[in-house]
Amino acid sequence: MDISKIKHIATHYKVAEEKVIESYKNSLDFVEKQFPRLAGDDKENKILSMTSTSFKTNIGGNSSTYKGIVFGVTEITDSNQYQRDSQLKLYQMTKEKAEAMGDMTMLDELYGKVVNKDNNGNIVALFPYLKNNGEVSAMAGKEIPNAEDSRIRKVYGVCYEDGKNPEENIKVFNLTIKGKALNNIPVFGKIVTFQAGGKEYQGEYQLNSSVTDFVEVEDKYLQEGINAVGADGVLLQFFDRHKIEYSDIVNWKEAYNTDRDNFSIPKEYYSYVVISGNNCMTQNFQPNAKGKCSMTFCNEQFGEDDITLIAGMLPEIADKIEFASNSTCTLLGKLSIFGDEGMPYLTLYGAIPKRDAFISRVNALPIEDDEETPMVEEKVEEKPATKAW
């Protein structure tokens, strides 16, 4: 390790030398595993190049600054679980077949393409050797990161790139966060700024970041939208193709109970759905034995599509929900239907209160059991929408 080059990287990227040394050690370990034939200056240059690259996001790289509103955050998932499990399953099946036939040579074809052995003799899954079109993958033979290093979560919202015309550039975004950014969860429905790299695809931003924070800021254009239609109105306007109604849930429940073996949520709604017009019936922000908080909802249109929607979420997501029971809200989450009677269940990613129809959690008062509270329909004068709102 050349300390002068470590100092150069630390100075150039404005990070602590300790972080550069840590990154150097990680790069060294990776190079020795993936490029065992490299030696001398070639090996050292590869390690230093990887070390330097790991800090490029700190000076921008191909990242940009965005302003937007976050509406939901998923749970943490293992982004490589499917491929890792598939490769290990193939190895295990081949091994069992080889043992049954007494011919272990058939395993030889898997090493370097499906799995490898580490220095301790443990089997390590590799990325698939071929792509779907039969061509050799650029990731062929490279080790699939372990579950800890593969942890990601998705953030959903609307944003535009800072410095560009918001009316022309505001779009739905999904942001994959990992590493240091994994537990940075903003309050839902507030205007924030964040940094990420990525691209525009099919009219949406597909972004990623391992270092960003979400910082609350002021923004005239986004605030106009919140003032005009409410944060939930902004959500519904941009996420229209993900929106479903309670009638859809009722129909899917009936379809599930009719033929549950062949039932599935339509693929266009598989990743997540948006449901408007929910009345929050109950809240329990004390995690249960599975570590989940819970809420229940029903249709705000009393008497229509009478169904109870159960929602579960992680405590860190529940902490960002700012309304109390008896509020009206819009939900974003992953819907599933299961059980003997077809129970609708929503893995809640985010919940946004409807403007003028919610009670703040900090100001919520309990309903007295011995008194009847008359229902009063509050009429809100709608202001004409301006610009895109």
Protein backbone atom coordinates (compact mmCIF):
# COMPACT_ATOMS: atom_id res chain seq x y z
CA MET A 1 0.00 0.00 0.00
CA ASP A 2 1.51 3.29 -1.17
CA ILE A 3 0.59 5.83 1.54
CA SER A 4 1.32 8.78 -0.77
CA LYS A 5 -1.33 7.54 -3.20
CA ILE A 6 -3.76 6.94 -0.33
CA LYS A 7 -3.25 10.58 0.73
CA HIS A 8 -3.76 11.72 -2.88
CA ILE A 9 -7.11 9.92 -3.14
CA ALA A 10 -8.20 11.26 0.27
CA THR A 11 -7.30 14.84 -0.70
CA HIS A 12 -8.85 14.66 -4.17
CA TYR A 13 -12.19 13.22 -3.01
CA LYS A 14 -12.24 15.09 0.31
CA VAL A 15 -12.63 12.01 2.49
CA ALA A 16 -10.75 10.72 5.53
CA GLU A 17 -7.61 8.66 4.94
CA GLU A 18 -9.10 5.94 7.17
CA LYS A 19 -11.98 5.55 4.72
CA VAL A 20 -9.57 5.29 1.79
CA ILE A 21 -7.54 2.63 3.59
CA GLU A 22 -10.72 0.68 4.36
CA SER A 23 -11.79 0.90 0.72
CA TYR A 24 -8.30 -0.14 -0.40
CA LYS A 25 -8.47 -3.28 1.73
CA ASN A 26 -11.91 -4.16 0.31
CA SER A 27 -10.62 -3.59 -3.22
CA LEU A 28 -7.55 -5.72 -2.52
CA ASP A 29 -9.73 -8.59 -1.33
CA PHE A 30 -11.97 -8.29 -4.40
CA VAL A 31 -9.07 -8.16 -6.88
CA GLU A 32 -7.37 -11.18 -5.33
CA LYS A 33 -10.60 -13.17 -5.70
CA GLN A 34 -11.72 -12.01 -9.12
CA PHE A 35 -8.39 -11.37 -10.86
CA PRO A 36 -6.00 -13.96 -9.40
CA ARG A 37 -3.61 -13.69 -12.39
CA LEU A 38 -2.95 -9.98 -11.92
CA ALA A 39 0.38 -9.15 -10.31
CA GLY A 40 2.81 -6.30 -9.77
CA ASP A 41 1.89 -2.85 -11.05
CA ASP A 42 -1.17 -4.15 -12.91
CA LYS A 43 -2.62 -5.51 -9.68
CA GLU A 44 -1.79 -2.37 -7.71
CA ASN A 45 -3.26 -0.07 -10.37
CA LYS A 46 -6.45 -2.13 -10.44
CA ILE A 47 -6.79 -1.87 -6.66
CA LEU A 48 -6.12 1.88 -6.63
CA SER A 49 -8.54 2.44 -9.52
CA MET A 50 -11.33 0.58 -7.71
CA THR A 51 -10.53 2.43 -4.48
CA SER A 52 -10.74 5.78 -6.25
CA THR A 53 -13.98 4.86 -8.05
CA SER A 54 -15.70 4.02 -4.76
CA PHE A 55 -15.60 7.71 -3.78
CA LYS A 56 -16.73 9.27 -7.05
CA THR A 57 -20.32 9.68 -5.86
CA ASN A 58 -19.04 12.08 -3.19
CA ILE A 59 -18.02 14.63 -5.84
CA GLY A 60 -21.03 14.06 -8.05
CA GLY A 61 -19.71 11.67 -10.70
CA ASN A 62 -22.72 11.07 -12.93
CA SER A 63 -25.09 12.02 -10.12
CA SER A 64 -27.39 15.03 -10.01
CA THR A 65 -29.30 16.94 -7.37
CA TYR A 66 -33.06 16.48 -7.39
CA LYS A 67 -35.95 18.20 -5.65
CA GLY A 68 -39.08 16.23 -5.00
CA ILE A 69 -41.64 14.70 -2.68
CA VAL A 70 -41.29 11.19 -1.25
CA PHE A 71 -44.48 9.13 -0.93
CA GLY A 72 -43.22 5.73 0.12
CA VAL A 73 -40.27 3.56 1.10
CA THR A 74 -40.08 -0.22 0.81
CA GLU A 75 -38.69 -2.67 3.30
CA ILE A 76 -35.06 -3.74 2.95
CA THR A 77 -34.59 -6.60 0.51
CA ASP A 78 -31.73 -8.77 -0.76
CA SER A 79 -31.30 -7.63 -4.36
CA ASN A 80 -29.34 -10.74 -5.35
CA GLN A 81 -31.32 -13.40 -3.50
CA TYR A 82 -33.01 -14.92 -6.56
CA GLN A 83 -29.82 -15.33 -8.58
CA ARG A 84 -27.83 -16.53 -5.59
CA ASP A 85 -30.46 -19.11 -4.63
CA SER A 86 -30.81 -20.28 -8.23
CA GLN A 87 -27.08 -20.84 -8.67
CA LEU A 88 -26.73 -22.66 -5.35
CA LYS A 89 -29.78 -24.81 -6.13
CA LEU A 90 -28.27 -25.83 -9.47
CA TYR A 91 -25.02 -26.74 -7.75
CA GLN A 92 -26.81 -28.74 -5.04
CA MET A 93 -28.96 -30.66 -7.56
CA THR A 94 -25.91 -31.50 -9.67
CA LYS A 95 -23.98 -32.59 -6.59
CA GLU A 96 -26.78 -34.92 -5.48
CA LYS A 97 -26.98 -36.40 -8.98
CA ALA A 98 -23.19 -36.86 -9.09
CA GLU A 99 -23.17 -38.58 -5.71
CA ALA A 100 -25.99 -40.91 -6.77
CA MET A 101 -24.13 -41.83 -9.97
CA GLY A 102 -20.74 -42.03 -8.29
CA ASP A 103 -19.27 -39.59 -10.81
CA MET A 104 -18.22 -36.27 -9.26
CA THR A 105 -16.58 -35.03 -12.46
CA MET A 106 -19.88 -33.50 -13.62
CA LEU A 107 -19.37 -30.85 -10.93
CA ASP A 108 -16.24 -29.63 -12.69
CA GLU A 109 -18.29 -27.85 -15.36
CA LEU A 110 -19.96 -25.71 -12.70
CA TYR A 111 -16.79 -24.24 -11.17
CA GLY A 112 -16.04 -20.82 -12.57
CA LYS A 113 -19.46 -20.57 -14.19
CA VAL A 114 -22.01 -21.35 -11.48
CA VAL A 115 -20.02 -21.50 -8.26
CA ASN A 116 -16.51 -21.30 -6.88
CA LYS A 117 -14.87 -22.35 -3.63
CA ASP A 118 -13.41 -19.71 -1.35
CA ASN A 119 -10.16 -20.10 0.58
CA ASN A 120 -11.98 -22.01 3.32
CA GLY A 121 -13.60 -24.44 0.90
CA ASN A 122 -17.07 -22.84 1.12
CA ILE A 123 -19.22 -22.80 -2.00
CA VAL A 124 -19.79 -19.27 -3.32
CA ALA A 125 -22.41 -18.47 -5.97
CA LEU A 126 -21.35 -16.66 -9.15
CA PHE A 127 -23.42 -14.44 -11.42
CA PRO A 128 -24.96 -16.39 -14.34
CA TYR A 129 -22.46 -17.02 -17.12
CA LEU A 130 -24.86 -16.36 -20.00
CA LYS A 131 -27.45 -13.66 -20.61
CA ASN A 132 -30.98 -14.52 -21.74
CA ASN A 133 -29.95 -14.11 -25.39
CA GLY A 134 -27.17 -16.68 -25.01
CA GLU A 135 -24.31 -14.18 -25.01
CA VAL A 136 -21.65 -14.27 -22.30
CA SER A 137 -22.55 -11.83 -19.54
CA ALA A 138 -20.22 -9.05 -18.49
CA MET A 139 -20.69 -10.31 -14.93
CA ALA A 140 -19.84 -13.92 -15.85
CA GLY A 141 -17.71 -15.64 -13.23
CA LYS A 142 -17.92 -12.80 -10.71
CA GLU A 143 -18.94 -13.55 -7.16
CA ILE A 144 -22.50 -12.60 -6.14
CA PRO A 145 -22.29 -10.35 -3.07
CA ASN A 146 -23.54 -11.86 0.18
CA ALA A 147 -26.94 -10.98 1.63
CA GLU A 148 -25.54 -8.24 3.87
CA ASP A 149 -23.84 -6.44 0.97
CA SER A 150 -26.89 -6.89 -1.29
CA ARG A 151 -29.34 -5.01 0.95
CA ILE A 152 -31.38 -2.33 -0.84
CA ARG A 153 -34.68 -0.53 -0.49
CA LYS A 154 -36.75 1.49 -2.95
CA VAL A 155 -37.94 5.06 -2.46
CA TYR A 156 -40.93 6.28 -4.52
CA GLY A 157 -42.00 9.83 -5.25
CA VAL A 158 -41.97 12.64 -7.79
CA CYS A 159 -39.01 14.89 -8.53
CA TYR A 160 -37.23 17.02 -11.07
CA GLU A 161 -33.55 17.71 -11.63
CA ASP A 162 -32.46 20.88 -9.90
CA GLY A 163 -31.72 23.68 -12.35
CA LYS A 164 -34.11 22.41 -15.02
CA ASN A 165 -37.66 23.53 -15.82
CA PRO A 166 -39.83 21.67 -13.27
CA GLU A 167 -42.98 21.85 -15.42
CA GLU A 168 -41.19 19.95 -18.18
CA ASN A 169 -38.96 17.69 -16.09
CA ILE A 170 -41.00 16.60 -13.07
CA LYS A 171 -41.58 12.84 -13.17
CA VAL A 172 -42.27 9.83 -11.01
CA PHE A 173 -39.04 8.39 -9.61
CA ASN A 174 -37.97 5.16 -8.01
CA LEU A 175 -34.68 5.44 -6.18
CA THR A 176 -32.68 2.41 -5.09
CA ILE A 177 -30.72 3.21 -1.95
CA LYS A 178 -28.08 1.05 -0.33
CA GLY A 179 -25.06 1.25 1.94
CA LYS A 180 -24.90 4.39 4.05
CA ALA A 181 -28.16 5.69 2.58
CA LEU A 182 -30.15 2.57 3.50
CA ASN A 183 -31.78 3.97 6.63
CA ASN A 184 -32.21 7.58 5.52
CA ILE A 185 -36.00 7.80 5.34
CA PRO A 186 -37.65 11.21 4.84
CA VAL A 187 -41.03 12.26 6.16
CA PHE A 188 -43.67 11.46 3.55
CA GLY A 189 -45.29 14.33 1.67
CA LYS A 190 -42.61 16.92 2.45
CA ILE A 191 -40.38 18.69 -0.09
CA VAL A 192 -36.83 17.36 0.00
CA THR A 193 -33.63 17.50 -1.98
CA PHE A 194 -31.36 14.51 -2.59
CA GLN A 195 -28.50 13.35 -4.82
CA ALA A 196 -28.58 10.32 -7.10
CA GLY A 197 -27.38 8.94 -10.39
CA GLY A 198 -29.50 7.15 -12.94
CA LYS A 199 -31.51 7.58 -16.08
CA GLU A 200 -34.94 8.31 -17.48
CA TYR A 201 -36.81 5.24 -18.68
CA GLN A 202 -40.37 5.07 -20.04
CA GLY A 203 -41.21 8.48 -18.64
CA GLU A 204 -39.87 7.84 -15.12
CA TYR A 205 -36.59 8.43 -13.35
CA GLN A 206 -34.76 5.26 -12.33
CA LEU A 207 -32.21 6.43 -9.78
CA ASN A 208 -29.73 4.98 -7.32
CA SER A 209 -27.51 6.20 -4.51
CA SER A 210 -25.45 4.82 -1.66
CA VAL A 211 -24.62 8.11 0.06
CA THR A 212 -27.52 10.55 -0.20
CA ASP A 213 -29.49 12.24 2.57
CA PHE A 214 -32.98 13.68 2.20
CA VAL A 215 -32.93 17.31 3.31
CA GLU A 216 -36.15 19.28 3.69
CA VAL A 217 -36.09 22.43 1.54
CA GLU A 218 -38.41 25.05 0.13
CA ASP A 219 -39.41 24.93 -3.52
CA LYS A 220 -41.89 27.31 -5.11
CA TYR A 221 -43.11 24.95 -7.84
CA LEU A 222 -43.65 21.91 -5.62
CA GLN A 223 -45.20 24.04 -2.89
CA GLU A 224 -47.67 25.38 -5.47
CA GLY A 225 -48.77 21.84 -6.11
CA ILE A 226 -49.20 21.03 -2.44
CA ASN A 227 -51.14 24.25 -1.91
CA ALA A 228 -53.37 23.57 -4.91
CA VAL A 229 -54.26 19.89 -4.53
CA GLY A 230 -52.53 18.69 -1.38
CA ALA A 231 -49.59 16.27 -1.19
CA ASP A 232 -52.00 13.37 -1.74
CA GLY A 233 -53.36 15.13 -4.82
CA VAL A 234 -49.84 15.37 -6.25
CA LEU A 235 -49.38 11.65 -5.57
CA LEU A 236 -52.64 10.73 -7.35
CA GLN A 237 -51.91 12.98 -10.30
CA PHE A 238 -48.53 11.44 -11.11
CA PHE A 239 -49.13 7.84 -10.01
CA ASP A 240 -52.41 7.48 -11.87
CA ARG A 241 -51.41 4.26 -13.68
CA HIS A 242 -50.75 2.55 -10.34
CA LYS A 243 -54.07 3.63 -8.82
CA ILE A 244 -56.73 1.09 -7.87
CA GLU A 245 -60.15 1.38 -6.21
CA TYR A 246 -61.79 -0.56 -3.40
CA SER A 247 -64.00 -2.14 -6.04
CA ASP A 248 -60.84 -3.65 -7.58
CA ILE A 249 -59.90 -5.20 -4.24
CA VAL A 250 -63.40 -6.64 -3.87
CA ASN A 251 -63.25 -8.12 -7.38
CA TRP A 252 -59.79 -9.60 -6.79
CA LYS A 253 -60.94 -11.10 -3.50
CA GLU A 254 -63.85 -12.77 -5.29
CA ALA A 255 -61.51 -14.05 -8.01
CA TYR A 256 -59.15 -15.41 -5.35
CA ASN A 257 -61.95 -17.26 -3.59
CA THR A 258 -63.20 -18.65 -6.91
CA ASP A 259 -59.86 -20.06 -8.11
CA ARG A 260 -57.06 -19.29 -5.68
CA ASP A 261 -54.59 -21.66 -7.39
CA ASN A 262 -54.61 -19.56 -10.54
CA PHE A 263 -55.14 -16.17 -8.95
CA SER A 264 -52.60 -13.36 -9.03
CA ILE A 265 -52.71 -9.59 -8.74
CA PRO A 266 -52.55 -8.18 -12.31
CA LYS A 267 -48.87 -7.75 -13.27
CA GLU A 268 -49.19 -4.01 -13.81
CA TYR A 269 -50.00 -3.68 -10.10
CA TYR A 270 -47.60 -6.31 -8.79
CA SER A 271 -44.79 -3.99 -7.62
CA TYR A 272 -47.08 -1.57 -5.80
CA VAL A 273 -50.50 0.04 -5.87
CA VAL A 274 -51.90 3.43 -4.93
CA ILE A 275 -55.28 3.52 -3.17
CA SER A 276 -57.08 6.81 -2.55
CA GLY A 277 -60.05 7.60 -0.33
CA ASN A 278 -59.10 5.49 2.70
CA ASN A 279 -60.54 6.06 6.14
CA CYS A 280 -58.00 5.11 8.81
CA MET A 281 -59.86 2.91 11.31
CA THR A 282 -57.11 1.85 13.73
CA GLN A 283 -53.41 2.34 14.35
CA ASN A 284 -50.99 0.28 16.42
CA PHE A 285 -47.48 1.65 16.25
CA GLN A 286 -46.18 -0.82 18.83
CA PRO A 287 -44.33 -3.55 16.84
CA ASN A 288 -45.74 -7.07 17.16
CA ALA A 289 -43.74 -10.30 17.53
CA LYS A 290 -42.76 -10.09 13.85
CA GLY A 291 -41.50 -6.53 14.26
CA LYS A 292 -44.38 -4.98 12.30
CA CYS A 293 -46.70 -2.12 13.16
CA SER A 294 -50.28 -2.29 11.90
CA MET A 295 -53.13 -0.14 10.65
CA THR A 296 -56.57 -0.89 9.26
CA PHE A 297 -58.47 1.05 6.62
CA CYS A 298 -61.87 1.09 4.93
CA ASN A 299 -63.45 2.96 2.05
CA GLU A 300 -64.20 6.57 2.95
CA GLN A 301 -67.39 6.24 0.86
CA PHE A 302 -69.40 4.70 3.67
CA GLY A 303 -71.49 1.71 2.66
CA GLU A 304 -69.81 1.12 -0.71
CA ASP A 305 -67.43 -1.80 -1.22
CA ASP A 306 -67.49 -2.56 2.49
CA ILE A 307 -64.14 -4.24 3.05
CA THR A 308 -61.41 -3.92 5.67
CA LEU A 309 -57.87 -3.47 4.43
CA ILE A 310 -55.18 -4.60 6.87
CA ALA A 311 -51.78 -2.93 6.50
CA GLY A 312 -48.44 -3.78 8.05
CA MET A 313 -45.21 -1.78 8.04
CA LEU A 314 -41.82 -1.57 9.69
CA PRO A 315 -41.48 0.82 12.66
CA GLU A 316 -39.18 3.18 10.73
CA ILE A 317 -41.92 3.60 8.12
CA ALA A 318 -44.65 3.99 10.74
CA ASP A 319 -42.62 6.80 12.32
CA LYS A 320 -43.01 8.86 9.14
CA ILE A 321 -46.82 8.70 9.12
CA GLU A 322 -48.13 11.97 10.50
CA PHE A 323 -51.89 11.46 10.82
CA ALA A 324 -54.07 9.79 13.45
CA SER A 325 -57.08 7.46 13.25
CA ASN A 326 -60.25 8.80 11.59
CA SER A 327 -58.19 10.64 9.00
CA THR A 328 -58.65 10.28 5.24
CA CYS A 329 -55.52 9.31 3.33
CA THR A 330 -53.95 7.84 0.21
CA LEU A 331 -51.88 4.67 0.52
CA LEU A 332 -48.92 3.32 -1.42
CA GLY A 333 -47.82 -0.28 -0.92
CA LYS A 334 -47.70 -3.86 -2.14
CA LEU A 335 -51.09 -5.62 -2.14
CA SER A 336 -51.61 -9.32 -1.58
CA ILE A 337 -54.63 -11.54 -0.96
CA PHE A 338 -54.33 -14.79 0.97
CA GLY A 339 -55.91 -17.02 3.61
CA ASP A 340 -59.04 -19.16 3.75
CA GLU A 341 -61.37 -16.23 3.15
CA GLY A 342 -59.18 -14.10 0.92
CA MET A 343 -57.81 -11.45 3.26
CA PRO A 344 -56.53 -8.28 1.54
CA TYR A 345 -53.20 -7.25 3.06
CA LEU A 346 -51.12 -4.21 2.19
CA THR A 347 -47.40 -4.06 2.93
CA LEU A 348 -47.45 -0.33 3.53
CA TYR A 349 -44.72 1.78 1.96
CA GLY A 350 -46.26 5.15 2.67
CA ALA A 351 -49.48 6.95 3.65
CA ILE A 352 -50.30 10.57 2.77
CA PRO A 353 -53.17 12.41 4.50
CA LYS A 354 -55.80 14.18 2.42
CA ARG A 355 -55.68 17.93 2.68
CA ASP A 356 -58.26 19.30 5.17
CA ALA A 357 -59.41 15.77 6.10
CA PHE A 358 -56.87 14.53 8.61
CA ILE A 359 -55.95 14.77 12.27
CA SER A 360 -52.32 15.29 13.22
CA ARG A 361 -50.90 12.46 15.35
CA VAL A 362 -49.54 14.92 17.89
CA ASN A 363 -52.92 16.65 18.24
CA ALA A 364 -55.17 13.59 18.15
CA LEU A 365 -57.82 13.31 20.87
CA PRO A 366 -59.43 10.00 21.86
CA ILE A 367 -63.10 9.49 21.05
CA GLU A 368 -65.19 9.21 24.21
CA ASP A 369 -67.09 5.93 24.33
CA ASP A 370 -70.02 7.38 26.28
CA GLU A 371 -70.67 10.30 23.97
CA GLU A 372 -71.87 10.41 20.42
CA THR A 373 -69.96 12.77 18.18
CA PRO A 374 -72.12 14.04 15.33
CA MET A 375 -70.62 13.69 11.88
CA VAL A 376 -70.17 17.05 10.20
CA GLU A 377 -69.41 17.23 6.53
CA GLU A 378 -66.93 20.02 6.02
CA LYS A 379 -67.14 21.63 2.61
CA VAL A 380 -63.86 22.90 1.24
CA GLU A 381 -63.90 25.50 -1.47
CA GLU A 382 -61.77 24.21 -4.36
CA LYS A 383 -59.30 26.70 -5.75
CA PRO A 384 -58.60 26.67 -9.46
CA ALA A 385 -55.52 24.62 -10.30
CA THR A 386 -52.54 26.45 -11.68
CA LYS A 387 -49.88 25.14 -14.07
CA ALA A 388 -49.62 21.34 -13.95
CA TRP A 389 -51.57 21.19 -10.73
